[in-house]
Amino acid sequence: MKVDFTLALLISLLTSTLAAPTTNLQKRSTTIFPNYLIPINQSTPDTAYFTQYTATIDYSGDDSTGNEKRMIVGFDVPQSSEHNCALEFVLPAPVPGGYPNAVSGSGRLDVYGFNGQIINGVTNWNNRPPRYPPFTPFWTIYQPTDFSPAVVTGGPLPCNHGQRMDFEVVATRGVDPTYFDWFGVLPSFFSSCFLGFDSLGFDSVGAMANSCVGSVELITPKTGITLNMS
């Protein structure tokens, strides 16, 4: 009887242990993809662009050249029980037949918040809202030029549930010249256009990408910036 009781107790304890989820398994996490990638160009400061499907950051290292390129990245944040929003960045190495993701120079980007509204197709370099106080980056991205994993520094922000969160992505100042180029979205209905770009007569993959579709939400980006809700 004692052996039977001991065996039953061990089975009961083992079953309870296996059935109890760990804290890590219980913790929820949701990735939010950009709704738009809007370029703002210092050399064409009054030109407003609609969302693009590629992102380019370009800085010569000299403010006097007047030809810097930045990106505005916007996210629609859903209602959720997850309250912390943290930025993530992924830049895979280019592969044959794929988009030529690129990073050179410092590999460093700063991400600022806006104290005002971004309007797709209206916001440009000159009329963009001021940065959110205290005017320091929410996050800094360091992407090694060998395409090893990026390092993002900066803590999470409170998620603005049911609202849009917009960010300005710029090259870090006080370091070397910086260049980034990545492809932000490849929806399934876009794939056939992408695969046929050689026959379309475009002078770059980026030009092809931005011409294939007039207006789609950036719902399945393969590279670049996302928000993680936890």
C-alpha atoms as a PDB file:
ATOM      1  CA  MET A   1       0.000   0.000   0.000  1.00  0.00           C
ATOM      2  CA  LYS A   2       2.811   2.406   0.885  1.00  0.00           C
ATOM      3  CA  VAL A   3       4.467   1.812  -2.494  1.00  0.00           C
ATOM      4  CA  ASP A   4       1.169   2.384  -4.318  1.00  0.00           C
ATOM      5  CA  PHE A   5       0.550   5.623  -2.407  1.00  0.00           C
ATOM      6  CA  THR A   6       4.068   6.900  -3.091  1.00  0.00           C
ATOM      7  CA  LEU A   7       3.762   6.096  -6.792  1.00  0.00           C
ATOM      8  CA  ALA A   8       0.395   7.816  -7.009  1.00  0.00           C
ATOM      9  CA  LEU A   9       1.809  10.898  -5.281  1.00  0.00           C
ATOM     10  CA  LEU A  10       4.766  11.078  -7.671  1.00  0.00           C
ATOM     11  CA  ILE A  11       2.469  10.772 -10.679  1.00  0.00           C
ATOM     12  CA  SER A  12       0.238  13.519  -9.292  1.00  0.00           C
ATOM     13  CA  LEU A  13       3.159  15.872  -8.686  1.00  0.00           C
ATOM     14  CA  LEU A  14       4.646  15.195 -12.123  1.00  0.00           C
ATOM     15  CA  THR A  15       1.306  15.823 -13.820  1.00  0.00           C
ATOM     16  CA  SER A  16       0.857  19.117 -11.967  1.00  0.00           C
ATOM     17  CA  THR A  17       4.363  20.246 -12.863  1.00  0.00           C
ATOM     18  CA  LEU A  18       3.931  19.493 -16.553  1.00  0.00           C
ATOM     19  CA  ALA A  19       0.504  21.117 -16.655  1.00  0.00           C
ATOM     20  CA  ALA A  20       1.598  24.366 -15.004  1.00  0.00           C
ATOM     21  CA  PRO A  21       2.765  26.870 -17.645  1.00  0.00           C
ATOM     22  CA  THR A  22       5.939  28.762 -16.948  1.00  0.00           C
ATOM     23  CA  THR A  23       5.995  32.534 -16.597  1.00  0.00           C
ATOM     24  CA  ASN A  24       7.676  32.880 -19.995  1.00  0.00           C
ATOM     25  CA  LEU A  25       4.969  30.839 -21.679  1.00  0.00           C
ATOM     26  CA  GLN A  26       2.236  32.918 -20.061  1.00  0.00           C
ATOM     27  CA  LYS A  27       3.718  36.262 -21.087  1.00  0.00           C
ATOM     28  CA  ARG A  28       2.111  37.695 -24.202  1.00  0.00           C
ATOM     29  CA  SER A  29       3.961  39.552 -26.904  1.00  0.00           C
ATOM     30  CA  THR A  30       2.616  41.129 -30.090  1.00  0.00           C
ATOM     31  CA  THR A  31       4.564  42.536 -33.029  1.00  0.00           C
ATOM     32  CA  ILE A  32       3.122  45.640 -34.708  1.00  0.00           C
ATOM     33  CA  PHE A  33       4.108  46.354 -38.293  1.00  0.00           C
ATOM     34  CA  PRO A  34       4.393  49.863 -39.791  1.00  0.00           C
ATOM     35  CA  ASN A  35       1.379  51.427 -41.452  1.00  0.00           C
ATOM     36  CA  TYR A  36       3.626  53.698 -43.461  1.00  0.00           C
ATOM     37  CA  LEU A  37       7.207  54.592 -44.308  1.00  0.00           C
ATOM     38  CA  ILE A  38       7.350  58.238 -45.386  1.00  0.00           C
ATOM     39  CA  PRO A  39      10.609  59.752 -46.665  1.00  0.00           C
ATOM     40  CA  ILE A  40      11.494  63.358 -45.903  1.00  0.00           C
ATOM     41  CA  ASN A  41      14.345  64.849 -47.916  1.00  0.00           C
ATOM     42  CA  GLN A  42      16.345  67.934 -47.013  1.00  0.00           C
ATOM     43  CA  SER A  43      17.109  68.654 -50.684  1.00  0.00           C
ATOM     44  CA  THR A  44      13.361  68.783 -51.546  1.00  0.00           C
ATOM     45  CA  PRO A  45      12.002  70.156 -48.266  1.00  0.00           C
ATOM     46  CA  ASP A  46       8.516  71.069 -49.521  1.00  0.00           C
ATOM     47  CA  THR A  47       7.866  67.775 -51.304  1.00  0.00           C
ATOM     48  CA  ALA A  48       5.501  65.439 -49.448  1.00  0.00           C
ATOM     49  CA  TYR A  49       5.530  61.732 -50.213  1.00  0.00           C
ATOM     50  CA  PHE A  50       2.971  59.008 -49.706  1.00  0.00           C
ATOM     51  CA  THR A  51       4.022  55.784 -48.032  1.00  0.00           C
ATOM     52  CA  GLN A  52       6.891  53.925 -49.651  1.00  0.00           C
ATOM     53  CA  TYR A  53       7.829  50.259 -49.623  1.00  0.00           C
ATOM     54  CA  THR A  54      11.525  50.893 -49.203  1.00  0.00           C
ATOM     55  CA  ALA A  55      13.311  52.958 -46.580  1.00  0.00           C
ATOM     56  CA  THR A  56      16.452  55.001 -47.186  1.00  0.00           C
ATOM     57  CA  ILE A  57      18.481  56.864 -44.568  1.00  0.00           C
ATOM     58  CA  ASP A  58      21.367  58.881 -45.989  1.00  0.00           C
ATOM     59  CA  TYR A  59      23.651  61.334 -44.197  1.00  0.00           C
ATOM     60  CA  SER A  60      26.996  62.600 -45.479  1.00  0.00           C
ATOM     61  CA  GLY A  61      28.312  63.437 -42.026  1.00  0.00           C
ATOM     62  CA  ASP A  62      28.277  67.156 -42.890  1.00  0.00           C
ATOM     63  CA  ASP A  63      25.151  69.199 -42.090  1.00  0.00           C
ATOM     64  CA  SER A  64      26.156  71.885 -44.596  1.00  0.00           C
ATOM     65  CA  THR A  65      25.602  69.634 -47.635  1.00  0.00           C
ATOM     66  CA  GLY A  66      21.823  69.929 -47.296  1.00  0.00           C
ATOM     67  CA  ASN A  67      21.020  66.523 -48.782  1.00  0.00           C
ATOM     68  CA  GLU A  68      20.087  64.381 -45.793  1.00  0.00           C
ATOM     69  CA  LYS A  69      17.344  61.739 -46.116  1.00  0.00           C
ATOM     70  CA  ARG A  70      15.256  60.598 -43.166  1.00  0.00           C
ATOM     71  CA  MET A  71      12.227  58.356 -42.664  1.00  0.00           C
ATOM     72  CA  ILE A  72       8.976  58.736 -40.755  1.00  0.00           C
ATOM     73  CA  VAL A  73       7.642  55.410 -39.484  1.00  0.00           C
ATOM     74  CA  GLY A  74       4.056  55.188 -38.228  1.00  0.00           C
ATOM     75  CA  PHE A  75       2.226  52.438 -36.323  1.00  0.00           C
ATOM     76  CA  ASP A  76      -1.466  51.988 -35.519  1.00  0.00           C
ATOM     77  CA  VAL A  77      -1.464  50.606 -31.974  1.00  0.00           C
ATOM     78  CA  PRO A  78      -4.414  48.288 -31.236  1.00  0.00           C
ATOM     79  CA  GLN A  79      -6.352  48.045 -28.003  1.00  0.00           C
ATOM     80  CA  SER A  80      -4.557  45.449 -25.914  1.00  0.00           C
ATOM     81  CA  SER A  81      -3.672  44.318 -22.420  1.00  0.00           C
ATOM     82  CA  GLU A  82      -0.006  44.775 -23.367  1.00  0.00           C
ATOM     83  CA  HIS A  83       1.205  48.168 -22.211  1.00  0.00           C
ATOM     84  CA  ASN A  84       4.910  48.396 -23.111  1.00  0.00           C
ATOM     85  CA  CYS A  85       6.038  49.191 -26.661  1.00  0.00           C
ATOM     86  CA  ALA A  86       9.667  48.551 -27.598  1.00  0.00           C
ATOM     87  CA  LEU A  87      11.316  49.089 -30.959  1.00  0.00           C
ATOM     88  CA  GLU A  88      12.972  46.251 -32.862  1.00  0.00           C
ATOM     89  CA  PHE A  89      15.158  46.391 -35.966  1.00  0.00           C
ATOM     90  CA  VAL A  90      16.161  43.601 -38.345  1.00  0.00           C
ATOM     91  CA  LEU A  91      18.322  43.948 -41.452  1.00  0.00           C
ATOM     92  CA  PRO A  92      19.138  40.607 -43.093  1.00  0.00           C
ATOM     93  CA  ALA A  93      22.060  40.295 -45.467  1.00  0.00           C
ATOM     94  CA  PRO A  94      21.014  40.545 -49.119  1.00  0.00           C
ATOM     95  CA  VAL A  95      20.475  37.277 -50.970  1.00  0.00           C
ATOM     96  CA  PRO A  96      20.559  36.544 -54.717  1.00  0.00           C
ATOM     97  CA  GLY A  97      17.286  37.577 -56.295  1.00  0.00           C
ATOM     98  CA  GLY A  98      16.217  39.509 -53.205  1.00  0.00           C
ATOM     99  CA  TYR A  99      16.189  43.183 -52.322  1.00  0.00           C
ATOM    100  CA  PRO A 100      19.729  44.598 -51.876  1.00  0.00           C
ATOM    101  CA  ASN A 101      19.490  45.615 -48.210  1.00  0.00           C
ATOM    102  CA  ALA A 102      22.380  47.933 -47.432  1.00  0.00           C
ATOM    103  CA  VAL A 103      24.162  49.509 -44.491  1.00  0.00           C
ATOM    104  CA  SER A 104      27.430  51.434 -44.544  1.00  0.00           C
ATOM    105  CA  GLY A 105      29.297  53.983 -42.504  1.00  0.00           C
ATOM    106  CA  SER A 106      28.465  54.241 -38.822  1.00  0.00           C
ATOM    107  CA  GLY A 107      25.479  51.887 -38.909  1.00  0.00           C
ATOM    108  CA  ARG A 108      23.853  54.068 -36.251  1.00  0.00           C
ATOM    109  CA  LEU A 109      20.331  55.496 -36.217  1.00  0.00           C
ATOM    110  CA  ASP A 110      18.405  57.575 -33.680  1.00  0.00           C
ATOM    111  CA  VAL A 111      14.636  57.278 -33.301  1.00  0.00           C
ATOM    112  CA  TYR A 112      12.691  60.325 -32.070  1.00  0.00           C
ATOM    113  CA  GLY A 113       9.037  60.874 -31.257  1.00  0.00           C
ATOM    114  CA  PHE A 114       6.865  63.655 -32.693  1.00  0.00           C
ATOM    115  CA  ASN A 115       4.859  66.200 -30.735  1.00  0.00           C
ATOM    116  CA  GLY A 116       2.167  66.505 -33.400  1.00  0.00           C
ATOM    117  CA  GLN A 117       0.327  64.716 -36.195  1.00  0.00           C
ATOM    118  CA  ILE A 118       1.868  63.060 -39.249  1.00  0.00           C
ATOM    119  CA  ILE A 119      -0.284  63.085 -42.402  1.00  0.00           C
ATOM    120  CA  ASN A 120       0.558  60.615 -45.149  1.00  0.00           C
ATOM    121  CA  GLY A 121       1.144  62.546 -48.387  1.00  0.00           C
ATOM    122  CA  VAL A 122       1.145  65.935 -46.627  1.00  0.00           C
ATOM    123  CA  THR A 123       3.993  65.919 -44.104  1.00  0.00           C
ATOM    124  CA  ASN A 124       7.365  66.975 -45.527  1.00  0.00           C
ATOM    125  CA  TRP A 125      10.767  68.112 -44.269  1.00  0.00           C
ATOM    126  CA  ASN A 126       9.666  71.696 -43.643  1.00  0.00           C
ATOM    127  CA  ASN A 127       6.267  71.126 -42.037  1.00  0.00           C
ATOM    128  CA  ARG A 128       6.994  68.054 -39.926  1.00  0.00           C
ATOM    129  CA  PRO A 129       5.994  68.454 -36.265  1.00  0.00           C
ATOM    130  CA  PRO A 130       8.602  69.257 -33.624  1.00  0.00           C
ATOM    131  CA  ARG A 131      10.206  66.407 -31.752  1.00  0.00           C
ATOM    132  CA  TYR A 132       8.686  65.214 -28.522  1.00  0.00           C
ATOM    133  CA  PRO A 133      10.325  66.714 -25.412  1.00  0.00           C
ATOM    134  CA  PRO A 134      12.949  66.320 -24.045  1.00  0.00           C
ATOM    135  CA  PHE A 135      14.107  66.154 -27.702  1.00  0.00           C
ATOM    136  CA  THR A 136      16.383  63.163 -27.150  1.00  0.00           C
ATOM    137  CA  PRO A 137      16.104  59.813 -28.965  1.00  0.00           C
ATOM    138  CA  PHE A 138      13.699  57.235 -27.601  1.00  0.00           C
ATOM    139  CA  TRP A 139      15.942  54.542 -29.079  1.00  0.00           C
ATOM    140  CA  THR A 140      19.317  54.222 -30.766  1.00  0.00           C
ATOM    141  CA  ILE A 141      19.976  51.467 -33.300  1.00  0.00           C
ATOM    142  CA  TYR A 142      23.406  50.051 -34.037  1.00  0.00           C
ATOM    143  CA  GLN A 143      23.424  47.801 -37.104  1.00  0.00           C
ATOM    144  CA  PRO A 144      26.825  46.205 -37.854  1.00  0.00           C
ATOM    145  CA  THR A 145      27.792  46.514 -41.492  1.00  0.00           C
ATOM    146  CA  ASP A 146      28.315  42.736 -41.694  1.00  0.00           C
ATOM    147  CA  PHE A 147      24.535  42.314 -41.116  1.00  0.00           C
ATOM    148  CA  SER A 148      24.940  40.607 -37.769  1.00  0.00           C
ATOM    149  CA  PRO A 149      22.022  41.281 -35.368  1.00  0.00           C
ATOM    150  CA  ALA A 150      21.285  44.910 -34.555  1.00  0.00           C
ATOM    151  CA  VAL A 151      21.526  46.295 -31.041  1.00  0.00           C
ATOM    152  CA  VAL A 152      18.705  48.613 -29.943  1.00  0.00           C
ATOM    153  CA  THR A 153      19.212  50.701 -26.799  1.00  0.00           C
ATOM    154  CA  GLY A 154      16.461  52.544 -24.973  1.00  0.00           C
ATOM    155  CA  GLY A 155      13.630  51.382 -22.755  1.00  0.00           C
ATOM    156  CA  PRO A 156      10.026  50.648 -23.725  1.00  0.00           C
ATOM    157  CA  LEU A 157       7.407  53.374 -24.073  1.00  0.00           C
ATOM    158  CA  PRO A 158       3.800  53.246 -22.861  1.00  0.00           C
ATOM    159  CA  CYS A 159       1.691  51.970 -25.771  1.00  0.00           C
ATOM    160  CA  ASN A 160      -0.864  54.519 -27.034  1.00  0.00           C
ATOM    161  CA  HIS A 161      -3.732  52.066 -27.388  1.00  0.00           C
ATOM    162  CA  GLY A 162      -6.161  52.885 -30.166  1.00  0.00           C
ATOM    163  CA  GLN A 163      -3.918  55.638 -31.495  1.00  0.00           C
ATOM    164  CA  ARG A 164      -1.034  56.103 -33.880  1.00  0.00           C
ATOM    165  CA  MET A 165       2.580  56.258 -32.760  1.00  0.00           C
ATOM    166  CA  ASP A 166       4.899  58.076 -35.184  1.00  0.00           C
ATOM    167  CA  PHE A 167       8.682  58.209 -35.136  1.00  0.00           C
ATOM    168  CA  GLU A 168      11.431  60.030 -37.019  1.00  0.00           C
ATOM    169  CA  VAL A 169      14.391  57.813 -37.940  1.00  0.00           C
ATOM    170  CA  VAL A 170      17.626  59.726 -38.554  1.00  0.00           C
ATOM    171  CA  ALA A 171      21.350  59.053 -38.801  1.00  0.00           C
ATOM    172  CA  THR A 172      23.163  59.546 -35.505  1.00  0.00           C
ATOM    173  CA  ARG A 173      25.114  62.795 -35.348  1.00  0.00           C
ATOM    174  CA  GLY A 174      28.773  63.085 -34.426  1.00  0.00           C
ATOM    175  CA  VAL A 175      29.816  59.840 -36.115  1.00  0.00           C
ATOM    176  CA  ASP A 176      30.765  58.757 -39.632  1.00  0.00           C
ATOM    177  CA  PRO A 177      28.548  59.192 -42.699  1.00  0.00           C
ATOM    178  CA  THR A 178      25.629  56.780 -42.589  1.00  0.00           C
ATOM    179  CA  TYR A 179      23.634  54.962 -45.237  1.00  0.00           C
ATOM    180  CA  PHE A 180      20.767  52.471 -44.882  1.00  0.00           C
ATOM    181  CA  ASP A 181      18.437  50.964 -47.458  1.00  0.00           C
ATOM    182  CA  TRP A 182      15.883  48.232 -46.807  1.00  0.00           C
ATOM    183  CA  PHE A 183      12.725  46.786 -48.269  1.00  0.00           C
ATOM    184  CA  GLY A 184       9.832  47.208 -45.873  1.00  0.00           C
ATOM    185  CA  VAL A 185       7.000  45.077 -47.241  1.00  0.00           C
ATOM    186  CA  LEU A 186       6.332  42.107 -49.483  1.00  0.00           C
ATOM    187  CA  PRO A 187       2.616  41.169 -49.306  1.00  0.00           C
ATOM    188  CA  SER A 188       1.643  37.962 -51.083  1.00  0.00           C
ATOM    189  CA  PHE A 189      -0.194  39.817 -53.852  1.00  0.00           C
ATOM    190  CA  PHE A 190       2.933  41.916 -54.411  1.00  0.00           C
ATOM    191  CA  SER A 191       5.264  38.962 -54.874  1.00  0.00           C
ATOM    192  CA  SER A 192       4.522  38.388 -58.570  1.00  0.00           C
ATOM    193  CA  CYS A 193       5.287  42.018 -59.357  1.00  0.00           C
ATOM    194  CA  PHE A 194       8.520  41.850 -57.377  1.00  0.00           C
ATOM    195  CA  LEU A 195       9.628  38.654 -59.096  1.00  0.00           C
ATOM    196  CA  GLY A 196       9.028  40.200 -62.516  1.00  0.00           C
ATOM    197  CA  PHE A 197      10.886  43.452 -61.951  1.00  0.00           C
ATOM    198  CA  ASP A 198      13.593  42.655 -64.512  1.00  0.00           C
ATOM    199  CA  SER A 199      11.078  42.967 -67.356  1.00  0.00           C
ATOM    200  CA  LEU A 200       9.483  46.195 -66.109  1.00  0.00           C
ATOM    201  CA  GLY A 201      12.229  48.567 -67.191  1.00  0.00           C
ATOM    202  CA  PHE A 202      12.884  50.177 -63.807  1.00  0.00           C
ATOM    203  CA  ASP A 203      16.346  51.462 -63.091  1.00  0.00           C
ATOM    204  CA  SER A 204      16.287  50.173 -59.515  1.00  0.00           C
ATOM    205  CA  VAL A 205      14.492  47.609 -57.416  1.00  0.00           C
ATOM    206  CA  GLY A 206      13.303  50.427 -55.156  1.00  0.00           C
ATOM    207  CA  ALA A 207      11.651  52.250 -58.068  1.00  0.00           C
ATOM    208  CA  MET A 208       9.950  49.026 -59.095  1.00  0.00           C
ATOM    209  CA  ALA A 209       8.794  48.318 -55.558  1.00  0.00           C
ATOM    210  CA  ASN A 210       7.177  51.708 -55.127  1.00  0.00           C
ATOM    211  CA  SER A 211       5.404  51.417 -58.493  1.00  0.00           C
ATOM    212  CA  CYS A 212       3.910  47.936 -58.142  1.00  0.00           C
ATOM    213  CA  VAL A 213       1.193  48.966 -55.700  1.00  0.00           C
ATOM    214  CA  GLY A 214      -0.344  52.389 -55.252  1.00  0.00           C
ATOM    215  CA  SER A 215      -1.462  52.117 -51.646  1.00  0.00           C
ATOM    216  CA  VAL A 216      -1.295  49.184 -49.250  1.00  0.00           C
ATOM    217  CA  GLU A 217      -0.742  48.997 -45.531  1.00  0.00           C
ATOM    218  CA  LEU A 218       2.673  47.716 -44.555  1.00  0.00           C
ATOM    219  CA  ILE A 219       1.412  44.488 -43.046  1.00  0.00           C
ATOM    220  CA  THR A 220       4.154  41.941 -43.655  1.00  0.00           C
ATOM    221  CA  PRO A 221       7.556  43.626 -43.643  1.00  0.00           C
ATOM    222  CA  LYS A 222      10.512  41.292 -44.000  1.00  0.00           C
ATOM    223  CA  THR A 223      13.053  43.802 -42.720  1.00  0.00           C
ATOM    224  CA  GLY A 224      13.328  47.067 -40.871  1.00  0.00           C
ATOM    225  CA  ILE A 225      11.504  48.535 -37.907  1.00  0.00           C
ATOM    226  CA  THR A 226       8.666  47.008 -35.889  1.00  0.00           C
ATOM    227  CA  LEU A 227       7.153  47.627 -32.449  1.00  0.00           C
ATOM    228  CA  ASN A 228       6.915  44.849 -29.902  1.00  0.00           C
ATOM    229  CA  MET A 229       4.039  45.065 -27.406  1.00  0.00           C
ATOM    230  CA  SER A 230       4.434  43.221 -24.132  1.00  0.00           C
END
